[in-house]
Amino acid sequence: MPLLGLALCLTGCDRLPESYAPPEQRHPVEGYNPGPDPMMVAMSDPDASQHIVKDIYPPNNPAWRWTGQNPTVQLPVLSNENMKVNAEFLIWEVSFPQTGPLEITFLVNGRQLDKVRYTAPGLKHFEKPVPAEWLAVNTNATLAMYIDKLYVTPRDGLKFGVILTHMGFKPE
């Protein structure tokens, strides 16, 4: 009987597996979510503020934002082949009687891509190819609009440009 007890004790002994330290924990970069189109910033994107350089106001509406005179964004350049600037904005019909036609200059990294005169209010879409040598891959590029005249609110003197929905680069 003692021999049986000893045999049972020996079968219950087993070497435990070696232990290892847990792997290093890495945290994602805060606030950055490249989304489906990282070279385009929609004003409705939760991380849109991460790309805004200047003259784009905090949102009053989740789908768009008011701009100042020189709305500028900074975006990563993943490719420079066959890219075009793409912007969608609205010239407010209430501001148009005060401002009249607007001339908007589109700039890529400080270079003038185009200057367009808009003679009526409403939704506007701008799209034009960017010379490949203007964009350096794996860097950030700035995209800006310069609006020649601003709407000044009669009550408090605040100044507004256009209502911006999105701005960025997209492949042709």
C-alpha atoms as a PDB file:
ATOM      1  CA  MET A   1       0.000   0.000   0.000  1.00  0.00           C
ATOM      2  CA  PRO A   2       2.776   2.517   0.745  1.00  0.00           C
ATOM      3  CA  LEU A   3       4.258   1.606  -2.609  1.00  0.00           C
ATOM      4  CA  LEU A   4       0.975   2.444  -4.344  1.00  0.00           C
ATOM      5  CA  GLY A   5       0.802   5.824  -2.560  1.00  0.00           C
ATOM      6  CA  LEU A   6       4.354   6.629  -3.647  1.00  0.00           C
ATOM      7  CA  ALA A   7       3.552   5.691  -7.291  1.00  0.00           C
ATOM      8  CA  LEU A   8       0.494   7.964  -7.237  1.00  0.00           C
ATOM      9  CA  CYS A   9       2.550  10.868  -5.857  1.00  0.00           C
ATOM     10  CA  LEU A  10       5.209  10.432  -8.529  1.00  0.00           C
ATOM     11  CA  THR A  11       2.672  10.469 -11.366  1.00  0.00           C
ATOM     12  CA  GLY A  12       1.242  13.725 -10.054  1.00  0.00           C
ATOM     13  CA  CYS A  13       4.603  15.486 -10.314  1.00  0.00           C
ATOM     14  CA  ASP A  14       5.261  17.211 -13.558  1.00  0.00           C
ATOM     15  CA  ARG A  15       7.640  19.914 -14.569  1.00  0.00           C
ATOM     16  CA  LEU A  16       5.868  23.293 -15.003  1.00  0.00           C
ATOM     17  CA  PRO A  17       6.317  25.098 -18.332  1.00  0.00           C
ATOM     18  CA  GLU A  18       8.907  27.835 -18.458  1.00  0.00           C
ATOM     19  CA  SER A  19       7.509  31.319 -17.974  1.00  0.00           C
ATOM     20  CA  TYR A  20       8.178  34.219 -20.309  1.00  0.00           C
ATOM     21  CA  ALA A  21       7.771  37.936 -19.843  1.00  0.00           C
ATOM     22  CA  PRO A  22       4.715  39.406 -21.592  1.00  0.00           C
ATOM     23  CA  PRO A  23       5.454  41.071 -24.955  1.00  0.00           C
ATOM     24  CA  GLU A  24       6.149  44.799 -25.057  1.00  0.00           C
ATOM     25  CA  GLN A  25       2.906  46.755 -25.196  1.00  0.00           C
ATOM     26  CA  ARG A  26       2.605  49.323 -27.961  1.00  0.00           C
ATOM     27  CA  HIS A  27      -0.016  52.005 -27.979  1.00  0.00           C
ATOM     28  CA  PRO A  28      -1.429  53.424 -31.230  1.00  0.00           C
ATOM     29  CA  VAL A  29      -0.652  57.037 -32.068  1.00  0.00           C
ATOM     30  CA  GLU A  30      -3.311  59.092 -30.354  1.00  0.00           C
ATOM     31  CA  GLY A  31      -5.803  60.923 -32.495  1.00  0.00           C
ATOM     32  CA  TYR A  32      -4.581  59.577 -35.828  1.00  0.00           C
ATOM     33  CA  ASN A  33      -6.914  57.445 -37.841  1.00  0.00           C
ATOM     34  CA  PRO A  34      -5.949  57.392 -41.511  1.00  0.00           C
ATOM     35  CA  GLY A  35      -9.447  56.329 -42.535  1.00  0.00           C
ATOM     36  CA  PRO A  36     -10.368  55.106 -46.003  1.00  0.00           C
ATOM     37  CA  ASP A  37      -8.770  58.092 -47.813  1.00  0.00           C
ATOM     38  CA  PRO A  38      -5.831  59.507 -45.799  1.00  0.00           C
ATOM     39  CA  MET A  39      -4.999  62.165 -48.410  1.00  0.00           C
ATOM     40  CA  MET A  40      -8.466  63.740 -48.067  1.00  0.00           C
ATOM     41  CA  VAL A  41      -9.926  65.474 -45.031  1.00  0.00           C
ATOM     42  CA  ALA A  42     -13.682  65.606 -44.688  1.00  0.00           C
ATOM     43  CA  MET A  43     -14.903  68.153 -42.169  1.00  0.00           C
ATOM     44  CA  SER A  44     -17.138  65.406 -40.753  1.00  0.00           C
ATOM     45  CA  ASP A  45     -14.114  63.200 -39.885  1.00  0.00           C
ATOM     46  CA  PRO A  46     -13.538  62.878 -36.128  1.00  0.00           C
ATOM     47  CA  ASP A  47      -9.826  63.607 -36.680  1.00  0.00           C
ATOM     48  CA  ALA A  48     -10.306  66.534 -39.098  1.00  0.00           C
ATOM     49  CA  SER A  49      -8.817  68.967 -36.568  1.00  0.00           C
ATOM     50  CA  GLN A  50      -5.535  67.006 -36.725  1.00  0.00           C
ATOM     51  CA  HIS A  51      -5.108  68.177 -40.340  1.00  0.00           C
ATOM     52  CA  ILE A  52      -6.207  71.801 -40.000  1.00  0.00           C
ATOM     53  CA  VAL A  53      -3.386  74.336 -40.137  1.00  0.00           C
ATOM     54  CA  LYS A  54      -5.441  77.554 -40.063  1.00  0.00           C
ATOM     55  CA  ASP A  55      -8.637  79.422 -40.894  1.00  0.00           C
ATOM     56  CA  ILE A  56     -11.069  76.530 -40.571  1.00  0.00           C
ATOM     57  CA  TYR A  57     -13.384  77.074 -37.618  1.00  0.00           C
ATOM     58  CA  PRO A  58     -14.647  74.434 -35.163  1.00  0.00           C
ATOM     59  CA  PRO A  59     -17.760  72.670 -36.435  1.00  0.00           C
ATOM     60  CA  ASN A  60     -21.274  74.010 -35.917  1.00  0.00           C
ATOM     61  CA  ASN A  61     -22.575  71.131 -37.976  1.00  0.00           C
ATOM     62  CA  PRO A  62     -20.996  67.672 -38.166  1.00  0.00           C
ATOM     63  CA  ALA A  63     -20.812  67.717 -41.996  1.00  0.00           C
ATOM     64  CA  TRP A  64     -19.162  71.104 -42.667  1.00  0.00           C
ATOM     65  CA  ARG A  65     -17.175  74.001 -41.217  1.00  0.00           C
ATOM     66  CA  TRP A  66     -16.950  77.708 -41.863  1.00  0.00           C
ATOM     67  CA  THR A  67     -13.624  79.014 -43.102  1.00  0.00           C
ATOM     68  CA  GLY A  68     -11.729  82.247 -42.754  1.00  0.00           C
ATOM     69  CA  GLN A  69      -9.794  83.860 -45.600  1.00  0.00           C
ATOM     70  CA  ASN A  70      -7.043  81.268 -45.990  1.00  0.00           C
ATOM     71  CA  PRO A  71      -8.296  77.772 -45.037  1.00  0.00           C
ATOM     72  CA  THR A  72      -5.285  75.442 -44.972  1.00  0.00           C
ATOM     73  CA  VAL A  73      -4.890  71.719 -44.286  1.00  0.00           C
ATOM     74  CA  GLN A  74      -1.859  69.470 -44.062  1.00  0.00           C
ATOM     75  CA  LEU A  75      -2.083  65.928 -45.412  1.00  0.00           C
ATOM     76  CA  PRO A  76       0.285  62.979 -45.849  1.00  0.00           C
ATOM     77  CA  VAL A  77       1.475  62.349 -49.403  1.00  0.00           C
ATOM     78  CA  LEU A  78       1.324  58.623 -50.112  1.00  0.00           C
ATOM     79  CA  SER A  79       1.709  59.030 -53.872  1.00  0.00           C
ATOM     80  CA  ASN A  80       2.463  61.855 -56.283  1.00  0.00           C
ATOM     81  CA  GLU A  81       1.452  60.034 -59.456  1.00  0.00           C
ATOM     82  CA  ASN A  82      -1.696  61.306 -61.193  1.00  0.00           C
ATOM     83  CA  MET A  83      -2.984  63.194 -58.150  1.00  0.00           C
ATOM     84  CA  LYS A  84      -5.469  66.031 -58.268  1.00  0.00           C
ATOM     85  CA  VAL A  85      -6.706  68.570 -55.753  1.00  0.00           C
ATOM     86  CA  ASN A  86     -10.299  68.009 -54.793  1.00  0.00           C
ATOM     87  CA  ALA A  87     -12.397  70.453 -52.777  1.00  0.00           C
ATOM     88  CA  GLU A  88     -16.090  70.830 -52.153  1.00  0.00           C
ATOM     89  CA  PHE A  89     -17.505  73.968 -50.576  1.00  0.00           C
ATOM     90  CA  LEU A  90     -20.541  76.209 -50.530  1.00  0.00           C
ATOM     91  CA  ILE A  91     -20.767  79.932 -51.174  1.00  0.00           C
ATOM     92  CA  TRP A  92     -23.573  80.999 -48.856  1.00  0.00           C
ATOM     93  CA  GLU A  93     -26.474  82.716 -50.610  1.00  0.00           C
ATOM     94  CA  VAL A  94     -27.005  85.060 -47.621  1.00  0.00           C
ATOM     95  CA  SER A  95     -23.407  86.343 -47.815  1.00  0.00           C
ATOM     96  CA  PHE A  96     -23.311  86.687 -51.599  1.00  0.00           C
ATOM     97  CA  PRO A  97     -25.174  90.048 -51.845  1.00  0.00           C
ATOM     98  CA  GLN A  98     -22.472  91.557 -49.585  1.00  0.00           C
ATOM     99  CA  THR A  99     -19.402  89.909 -51.125  1.00  0.00           C
ATOM    100  CA  GLY A 100     -20.457  89.596 -54.751  1.00  0.00           C
ATOM    101  CA  PRO A 101     -18.502  87.157 -56.919  1.00  0.00           C
ATOM    102  CA  LEU A 102     -15.575  85.474 -55.141  1.00  0.00           C
ATOM    103  CA  GLU A 103     -12.165  84.756 -56.556  1.00  0.00           C
ATOM    104  CA  ILE A 104     -10.582  81.733 -54.886  1.00  0.00           C
ATOM    105  CA  THR A 105      -6.933  80.805 -55.350  1.00  0.00           C
ATOM    106  CA  PHE A 106      -5.986  77.156 -54.762  1.00  0.00           C
ATOM    107  CA  LEU A 107      -2.444  76.559 -53.470  1.00  0.00           C
ATOM    108  CA  VAL A 108      -0.367  73.391 -53.075  1.00  0.00           C
ATOM    109  CA  ASN A 109       2.699  73.790 -50.848  1.00  0.00           C
ATOM    110  CA  GLY A 110       2.504  77.555 -51.405  1.00  0.00           C
ATOM    111  CA  ARG A 111       2.343  77.268 -55.207  1.00  0.00           C
ATOM    112  CA  GLN A 112      -0.656  78.602 -57.076  1.00  0.00           C
ATOM    113  CA  LEU A 113      -2.459  75.736 -58.782  1.00  0.00           C
ATOM    114  CA  ASP A 114      -5.396  77.780 -60.065  1.00  0.00           C
ATOM    115  CA  LYS A 115      -7.488  80.897 -59.493  1.00  0.00           C
ATOM    116  CA  VAL A 116     -11.227  80.570 -60.103  1.00  0.00           C
ATOM    117  CA  ARG A 117     -13.914  83.269 -60.132  1.00  0.00           C
ATOM    118  CA  TYR A 118     -17.274  82.102 -58.759  1.00  0.00           C
ATOM    119  CA  THR A 119     -20.125  84.331 -59.931  1.00  0.00           C
ATOM    120  CA  ALA A 120     -23.040  82.683 -58.127  1.00  0.00           C
ATOM    121  CA  PRO A 121     -23.709  81.248 -54.669  1.00  0.00           C
ATOM    122  CA  GLY A 122     -24.288  77.540 -54.071  1.00  0.00           C
ATOM    123  CA  LEU A 123     -22.403  74.262 -53.908  1.00  0.00           C
ATOM    124  CA  LYS A 124     -19.037  74.304 -55.716  1.00  0.00           C
ATOM    125  CA  HIS A 125     -16.665  71.515 -56.659  1.00  0.00           C
ATOM    126  CA  PHE A 126     -13.025  72.152 -57.578  1.00  0.00           C
ATOM    127  CA  GLU A 127     -10.780  69.523 -59.120  1.00  0.00           C
ATOM    128  CA  LYS A 128      -7.470  69.948 -60.924  1.00  0.00           C
ATOM    129  CA  PRO A 129      -4.373  67.766 -61.492  1.00  0.00           C
ATOM    130  CA  VAL A 130      -1.264  68.532 -59.446  1.00  0.00           C
ATOM    131  CA  PRO A 131       2.167  68.343 -61.100  1.00  0.00           C
ATOM    132  CA  ALA A 132       3.943  65.293 -59.633  1.00  0.00           C
ATOM    133  CA  GLU A 133       7.036  67.340 -58.771  1.00  0.00           C
ATOM    134  CA  TRP A 134       4.958  69.511 -56.409  1.00  0.00           C
ATOM    135  CA  LEU A 135       4.361  66.552 -54.064  1.00  0.00           C
ATOM    136  CA  ALA A 136       7.085  64.594 -52.272  1.00  0.00           C
ATOM    137  CA  VAL A 137       6.050  61.073 -51.290  1.00  0.00           C
ATOM    138  CA  ASN A 138       6.165  60.166 -47.573  1.00  0.00           C
ATOM    139  CA  THR A 139       6.027  63.797 -46.468  1.00  0.00           C
ATOM    140  CA  ASN A 140       3.203  66.161 -45.606  1.00  0.00           C
ATOM    141  CA  ALA A 141       1.802  68.660 -48.090  1.00  0.00           C
ATOM    142  CA  THR A 142      -0.238  71.781 -47.449  1.00  0.00           C
ATOM    143  CA  LEU A 143      -3.336  72.537 -49.424  1.00  0.00           C
ATOM    144  CA  ALA A 144      -4.882  75.980 -49.116  1.00  0.00           C
ATOM    145  CA  MET A 145      -7.562  78.214 -50.529  1.00  0.00           C
ATOM    146  CA  TYR A 146      -7.275  81.994 -50.545  1.00  0.00           C
ATOM    147  CA  ILE A 147     -10.660  83.744 -50.656  1.00  0.00           C
ATOM    148  CA  ASP A 148     -10.460  87.327 -51.926  1.00  0.00           C
ATOM    149  CA  LYS A 149     -13.490  88.735 -50.032  1.00  0.00           C
ATOM    150  CA  LEU A 150     -15.046  87.751 -46.724  1.00  0.00           C
ATOM    151  CA  TYR A 151     -18.576  88.041 -45.444  1.00  0.00           C
ATOM    152  CA  VAL A 152     -18.705  90.293 -42.365  1.00  0.00           C
ATOM    153  CA  THR A 153     -21.658  89.691 -40.056  1.00  0.00           C
ATOM    154  CA  PRO A 154     -23.583  92.922 -39.462  1.00  0.00           C
ATOM    155  CA  ARG A 155     -24.285  92.213 -35.786  1.00  0.00           C
ATOM    156  CA  ASP A 156     -20.839  91.323 -34.399  1.00  0.00           C
ATOM    157  CA  GLY A 157     -18.348  91.856 -37.251  1.00  0.00           C
ATOM    158  CA  LEU A 158     -17.252  88.204 -37.502  1.00  0.00           C
ATOM    159  CA  LYS A 159     -15.637  87.313 -40.835  1.00  0.00           C
ATOM    160  CA  PHE A 160     -16.396  84.183 -42.864  1.00  0.00           C
ATOM    161  CA  GLY A 161     -15.213  82.766 -46.183  1.00  0.00           C
ATOM    162  CA  VAL A 162     -16.997  79.666 -47.458  1.00  0.00           C
ATOM    163  CA  ILE A 163     -18.629  76.565 -45.989  1.00  0.00           C
ATOM    164  CA  LEU A 164     -16.159  73.708 -46.479  1.00  0.00           C
ATOM    165  CA  THR A 165     -17.148  70.016 -46.613  1.00  0.00           C
ATOM    166  CA  HIS A 166     -13.873  68.417 -47.749  1.00  0.00           C
ATOM    167  CA  MET A 167     -10.464  69.197 -49.202  1.00  0.00           C
ATOM    168  CA  GLY A 168      -7.500  67.046 -50.195  1.00  0.00           C
ATOM    169  CA  PHE A 169      -5.756  65.002 -52.865  1.00  0.00           C
ATOM    170  CA  LYS A 170      -7.187  62.085 -54.797  1.00  0.00           C
ATOM    171  CA  PRO A 171      -5.977  59.957 -57.697  1.00  0.00           C
ATOM    172  CA  GLU A 172      -7.154  60.832 -61.194  1.00  0.00           C
END
